[in-house]
Amino acid sequence: MLNNEIRDDESLDDLILGDMKVIQPKEGYRFSLDAVLLAHFPADNSIKRMVELGSGSGVVSLLMAWRASRVRITALEVQPAMVERSRRSIVLNGLQERIEIIEADIRETEKILPGGAAELVLSNPPFWRKGEGKISQNSEEAVARHEIKLSLPELVEKGAYLLTSGGKLDIIHRAERLDEAMELFRAYKVPVRRLRFIHSFNNREARLVLIEGVKSSLGPLTVMAPLIIYEKTGIYGQELRNIYDR
């Protein structure tokens, strides 16, 4: 049985949406706006079966459980401390009947979960390849941000395996890796069918992109209107305000 007491090196943070809260370490990896944007990207709230690959603190799964009232979620996370904290967060929010966190290496997904069963697979994967950028001395943060235990090709391969025909693979990633991602989605027969570029301000280049592939789909590609995070410094744009004003 989990002890939900918040420890001295942890904080209990308000997700605002759905009155939910999440347990996080005070130091090291903490969720960012990326997770919120990813959780609001899927357009279909009627899904019943979802898998999250690399669930970290559990924020994406928590928000999806709030958005999609009938969904049952299985989340894979390789880092034991993150798994333990996210399980406590799920119990704290009363969602243990709808969200299951499994401690597992995503690269071994076939040994853990059946293929062809998920309507939706979500992932906020490591953005940086091995050798890129400065790796954090905090091991949790390093694994979450760099492709130490999971690469983009491995992620797309496992996501494609999990999806039913017509199921969707949604990720958020660096805009400069879009070409690579689109080639991988196509190679694993989950061609990209929806894109949304994310800009910090309306006069800045896109830093991130939301990508949705649909398994065995022949439909057209839709490029959505850009998502602008800030109207001006310190003030969210209208779309973000709409999300948090619900």
Protein backbone atom coordinates (compact mmCIF):
# COMPACT_ATOMS: atom_id res chain seq x y z
CA MET A 1 0.00 0.00 0.00
CA LEU A 2 1.33 3.42 -0.97
CA ASN A 3 2.16 6.01 1.67
CA ASN A 4 0.89 9.29 0.24
CA GLU A 5 2.72 11.47 2.71
CA ILE A 6 4.63 14.25 0.95
CA ARG A 7 8.33 13.95 1.76
CA ASP A 8 10.73 16.74 2.68
CA ASP A 9 12.39 16.64 -0.75
CA GLU A 10 9.03 16.75 -2.61
CA SER A 11 6.39 19.32 -3.41
CA LEU A 12 2.66 18.92 -4.00
CA ASP A 13 1.77 21.03 -7.02
CA ASP A 14 -1.64 22.11 -8.29
CA LEU A 15 -2.42 21.16 -11.89
CA ILE A 16 -5.32 23.65 -11.66
CA LEU A 17 -7.36 21.59 -14.12
CA GLY A 18 -9.85 19.23 -12.52
CA ASP A 19 -8.57 20.23 -9.05
CA MET A 20 -5.82 17.67 -9.54
CA LYS A 21 -2.44 17.70 -7.86
CA VAL A 22 0.90 16.06 -8.65
CA ILE A 23 3.80 15.05 -6.42
CA GLN A 24 7.19 16.20 -7.72
CA PRO A 25 10.77 16.39 -6.48
CA LYS A 26 11.81 19.86 -5.35
CA GLU A 27 15.06 19.42 -7.27
CA GLY A 28 15.58 17.71 -10.63
CA TYR A 29 12.98 16.87 -13.26
CA ARG A 30 9.66 18.70 -12.92
CA PHE A 31 6.91 18.76 -15.52
CA SER A 32 6.63 21.71 -17.87
CA LEU A 33 4.00 23.26 -20.14
CA ASP A 34 4.96 20.68 -22.80
CA ALA A 35 2.97 18.05 -20.89
CA VAL A 36 -0.12 20.25 -20.72
CA LEU A 37 0.03 21.05 -24.44
CA LEU A 38 0.42 17.37 -25.34
CA ALA A 39 -2.51 16.35 -23.14
CA HIS A 40 -4.73 18.87 -24.93
CA PHE A 41 -3.68 17.87 -28.45
CA PRO A 42 -5.85 14.74 -28.97
CA ALA A 43 -9.16 15.81 -30.50
CA ASP A 44 -11.23 12.75 -29.56
CA ASN A 45 -12.37 12.63 -25.93
CA SER A 46 -14.40 9.44 -26.44
CA ILE A 47 -11.41 7.07 -26.50
CA LYS A 48 -11.46 4.10 -24.13
CA ARG A 49 -7.92 2.68 -24.33
CA MET A 50 -4.75 4.76 -24.11
CA VAL A 51 -1.07 4.07 -23.47
CA GLU A 52 1.47 6.66 -22.40
CA LEU A 53 5.12 5.90 -23.14
CA GLY A 54 7.50 7.54 -20.70
CA SER A 55 5.01 8.93 -18.20
CA GLY A 56 7.43 10.73 -15.87
CA SER A 57 5.46 12.39 -13.07
CA GLY A 58 2.17 11.19 -14.57
CA VAL A 59 0.87 14.61 -15.57
CA VAL A 60 -0.16 13.70 -19.14
CA SER A 61 -2.06 10.61 -17.98
CA LEU A 62 -3.76 12.58 -15.20
CA LEU A 63 -4.88 15.30 -17.59
CA MET A 64 -6.11 12.80 -20.16
CA ALA A 65 -8.14 11.00 -17.50
CA TRP A 66 -9.74 14.37 -16.72
CA ARG A 67 -10.38 15.18 -20.39
CA ALA A 68 -11.64 11.75 -21.51
CA SER A 69 -14.07 10.43 -18.91
CA ARG A 70 -14.23 6.86 -20.27
CA VAL A 71 -10.55 6.27 -20.96
CA ARG A 72 -8.47 3.59 -19.23
CA ILE A 73 -4.77 4.37 -19.28
CA THR A 74 -1.65 2.22 -19.02
CA ALA A 75 1.58 4.17 -18.64
CA LEU A 76 5.15 2.87 -18.93
CA GLU A 77 8.00 4.57 -17.08
CA VAL A 78 11.53 3.22 -16.61
CA GLN A 79 12.67 5.31 -13.64
CA PRO A 80 11.64 3.73 -10.30
CA ALA A 81 11.42 6.94 -8.27
CA MET A 82 9.19 8.56 -10.90
CA VAL A 83 6.97 5.48 -10.97
CA GLU A 84 6.58 5.55 -7.18
CA ARG A 85 5.75 9.27 -7.08
CA SER A 86 3.31 9.07 -9.98
CA ARG A 87 1.50 6.12 -8.38
CA ARG A 88 1.05 8.20 -5.24
CA SER A 89 -0.26 11.11 -7.33
CA ILE A 90 -2.79 8.81 -9.00
CA VAL A 91 -4.08 7.58 -5.63
CA LEU A 92 -4.14 11.15 -4.33
CA ASN A 93 -6.41 12.11 -7.24
CA GLY A 94 -8.60 9.02 -6.86
CA LEU A 95 -7.75 7.67 -10.33
CA GLN A 96 -6.21 4.30 -9.43
CA GLU A 97 -9.13 2.49 -11.11
CA ARG A 98 -8.43 4.25 -14.43
CA ILE A 99 -4.64 4.70 -14.60
CA GLU A 100 -2.02 1.99 -14.18
CA ILE A 101 1.68 2.86 -14.05
CA ILE A 102 4.05 0.04 -14.98
CA GLU A 103 7.76 0.25 -14.23
CA ALA A 104 9.28 -0.93 -17.49
CA ASP A 105 11.75 -0.20 -20.25
CA ILE A 106 9.73 0.99 -23.26
CA ARG A 107 12.14 -0.85 -25.52
CA GLU A 108 10.62 -4.08 -24.14
CA THR A 109 7.00 -3.07 -24.74
CA GLU A 110 6.17 -6.28 -26.64
CA LYS A 111 6.92 -8.31 -23.49
CA ILE A 112 4.55 -6.22 -21.41
CA LEU A 113 1.55 -5.08 -23.45
CA PRO A 114 -0.49 -6.57 -26.31
CA GLY A 115 -0.13 -5.06 -29.75
CA GLY A 116 -2.92 -3.53 -31.79
CA ALA A 117 -5.15 -2.64 -28.84
CA ALA A 118 -4.65 1.08 -28.07
CA GLU A 119 -6.76 3.78 -29.67
CA LEU A 120 -4.26 6.44 -28.60
CA VAL A 121 -0.59 6.43 -27.66
CA LEU A 122 0.88 9.61 -26.16
CA SER A 123 4.48 10.50 -25.43
CA ASN A 124 6.51 13.50 -24.35
CA PRO A 125 9.86 11.90 -25.23
CA PRO A 126 13.45 13.01 -24.66
CA PHE A 127 14.12 15.92 -27.02
CA TRP A 128 17.89 15.61 -27.27
CA ARG A 129 19.94 12.92 -28.98
CA LYS A 130 22.96 11.41 -27.27
CA GLY A 131 25.78 13.92 -27.44
CA GLU A 132 23.51 16.93 -27.91
CA GLY A 133 23.23 19.67 -25.34
CA LYS A 134 24.37 19.59 -21.73
CA ILE A 135 23.32 16.51 -19.77
CA SER A 136 22.02 17.20 -16.27
CA GLN A 137 23.88 15.77 -13.30
CA ASN A 138 20.46 14.73 -11.97
CA SER A 139 19.84 11.25 -13.38
CA GLU A 140 16.04 11.61 -13.60
CA GLU A 141 16.33 14.85 -15.53
CA ALA A 142 19.06 13.44 -17.78
CA VAL A 143 16.97 10.40 -18.80
CA ALA A 144 13.84 12.52 -19.30
CA ARG A 145 15.56 15.04 -21.58
CA HIS A 146 18.20 12.99 -23.45
CA GLU A 147 17.94 9.80 -25.49
CA ILE A 148 19.79 7.72 -22.91
CA LYS A 149 17.19 4.96 -22.49
CA LEU A 150 14.87 5.69 -25.41
CA SER A 151 15.46 7.08 -28.90
CA LEU A 152 12.89 8.59 -31.24
CA PRO A 153 13.04 5.59 -33.64
CA GLU A 154 12.43 3.21 -30.73
CA LEU A 155 9.51 5.32 -29.50
CA VAL A 156 7.76 5.38 -32.87
CA GLU A 157 8.33 1.64 -33.36
CA LYS A 158 6.71 0.80 -30.00
CA GLY A 159 3.89 3.27 -30.50
CA ALA A 160 3.05 1.73 -33.87
CA TYR A 161 3.08 -1.75 -32.33
CA LEU A 162 0.55 -0.73 -29.66
CA LEU A 163 -1.97 0.95 -31.95
CA THR A 164 -5.09 -0.53 -33.42
CA SER A 165 -5.77 0.28 -37.10
CA GLY A 166 -6.85 3.90 -37.20
CA GLY A 167 -5.34 4.53 -33.76
CA LYS A 168 -3.35 7.70 -33.18
CA LEU A 169 0.20 8.33 -32.01
CA ASP A 170 0.58 11.84 -30.57
CA ILE A 171 3.91 13.30 -29.48
CA ILE A 172 5.47 16.69 -28.81
CA HIS A 173 9.01 17.33 -30.01
CA ARG A 174 11.52 19.91 -31.17
CA ALA A 175 10.41 21.50 -34.42
CA GLU A 176 13.87 21.01 -35.93
CA ARG A 177 13.41 17.22 -35.70
CA LEU A 178 10.10 17.22 -37.59
CA ASP A 179 11.58 15.79 -40.81
CA GLU A 180 13.10 12.89 -38.89
CA ALA A 181 9.85 12.24 -37.02
CA MET A 182 7.73 12.29 -40.17
CA GLU A 183 10.02 9.80 -41.90
CA LEU A 184 9.86 7.47 -38.90
CA PHE A 185 6.07 7.71 -38.61
CA ARG A 186 5.77 6.84 -42.30
CA ALA A 187 8.26 3.97 -42.04
CA TYR A 188 6.23 2.37 -39.25
CA LYS A 189 2.95 2.86 -41.13
CA VAL A 190 1.65 5.59 -38.85
CA PRO A 191 1.79 8.49 -41.33
CA VAL A 192 1.51 11.99 -39.92
CA ARG A 193 -1.95 13.42 -40.45
CA ARG A 194 -2.00 16.44 -38.10
CA LEU A 195 0.65 18.99 -37.11
CA ARG A 196 0.63 22.03 -34.88
CA PHE A 197 3.61 24.32 -34.45
CA ILE A 198 4.18 25.95 -31.06
CA HIS A 199 5.62 29.47 -30.83
CA SER A 200 6.66 31.25 -27.64
CA PHE A 201 5.51 34.57 -29.16
CA ASN A 202 3.78 35.35 -32.44
CA ASN A 203 6.95 36.89 -33.91
CA ARG A 204 9.23 33.96 -32.99
CA GLU A 205 10.07 30.82 -34.93
CA ALA A 206 8.41 27.61 -33.80
CA ARG A 207 10.41 25.86 -31.08
CA LEU A 208 8.17 22.82 -30.65
CA VAL A 209 5.66 20.88 -32.72
CA LEU A 210 2.75 18.60 -31.87
CA ILE A 211 2.64 15.59 -34.20
CA GLU A 212 -0.17 13.11 -34.75
CA GLY A 213 0.14 9.99 -36.86
CA VAL A 214 -2.72 7.66 -37.71
CA LYS A 215 -1.99 3.95 -38.15
CA SER A 216 -2.67 2.66 -41.68
CA SER A 217 -4.25 5.96 -42.70
CA LEU A 218 -4.51 7.30 -46.26
CA GLY A 219 -6.02 10.67 -45.30
CA PRO A 220 -4.63 14.17 -45.92
CA LEU A 221 -2.19 16.08 -43.73
CA THR A 222 -3.71 18.95 -41.72
CA VAL A 223 -1.44 21.73 -40.50
CA MET A 224 -3.33 23.49 -37.74
CA ALA A 225 -3.14 27.15 -36.85
CA PRO A 226 -0.04 27.87 -34.75
CA LEU A 227 -0.29 27.78 -30.98
CA ILE A 228 1.11 30.97 -29.41
CA ILE A 229 2.08 30.49 -25.78
CA TYR A 230 2.57 34.10 -24.69
CA GLU A 231 0.64 37.23 -25.67
CA LYS A 232 3.45 39.19 -24.05
CA THR A 233 6.08 38.40 -21.46
CA GLY A 234 4.47 36.70 -18.47
CA ILE A 235 0.96 36.66 -19.96
CA TYR A 236 -0.40 33.56 -21.66
CA GLY A 237 -2.07 33.81 -25.04
CA GLN A 238 -5.84 33.43 -25.31
CA GLU A 239 -5.80 29.69 -26.00
CA LEU A 240 -3.77 28.92 -22.88
CA ARG A 241 -6.00 31.24 -20.86
CA ASN A 242 -9.03 29.37 -22.16
CA ILE A 243 -7.55 26.07 -20.98
CA TYR A 244 -6.87 27.33 -17.47
CA ASP A 245 -10.04 29.39 -17.12
CA ARG A 246 -12.36 26.36 -17.38
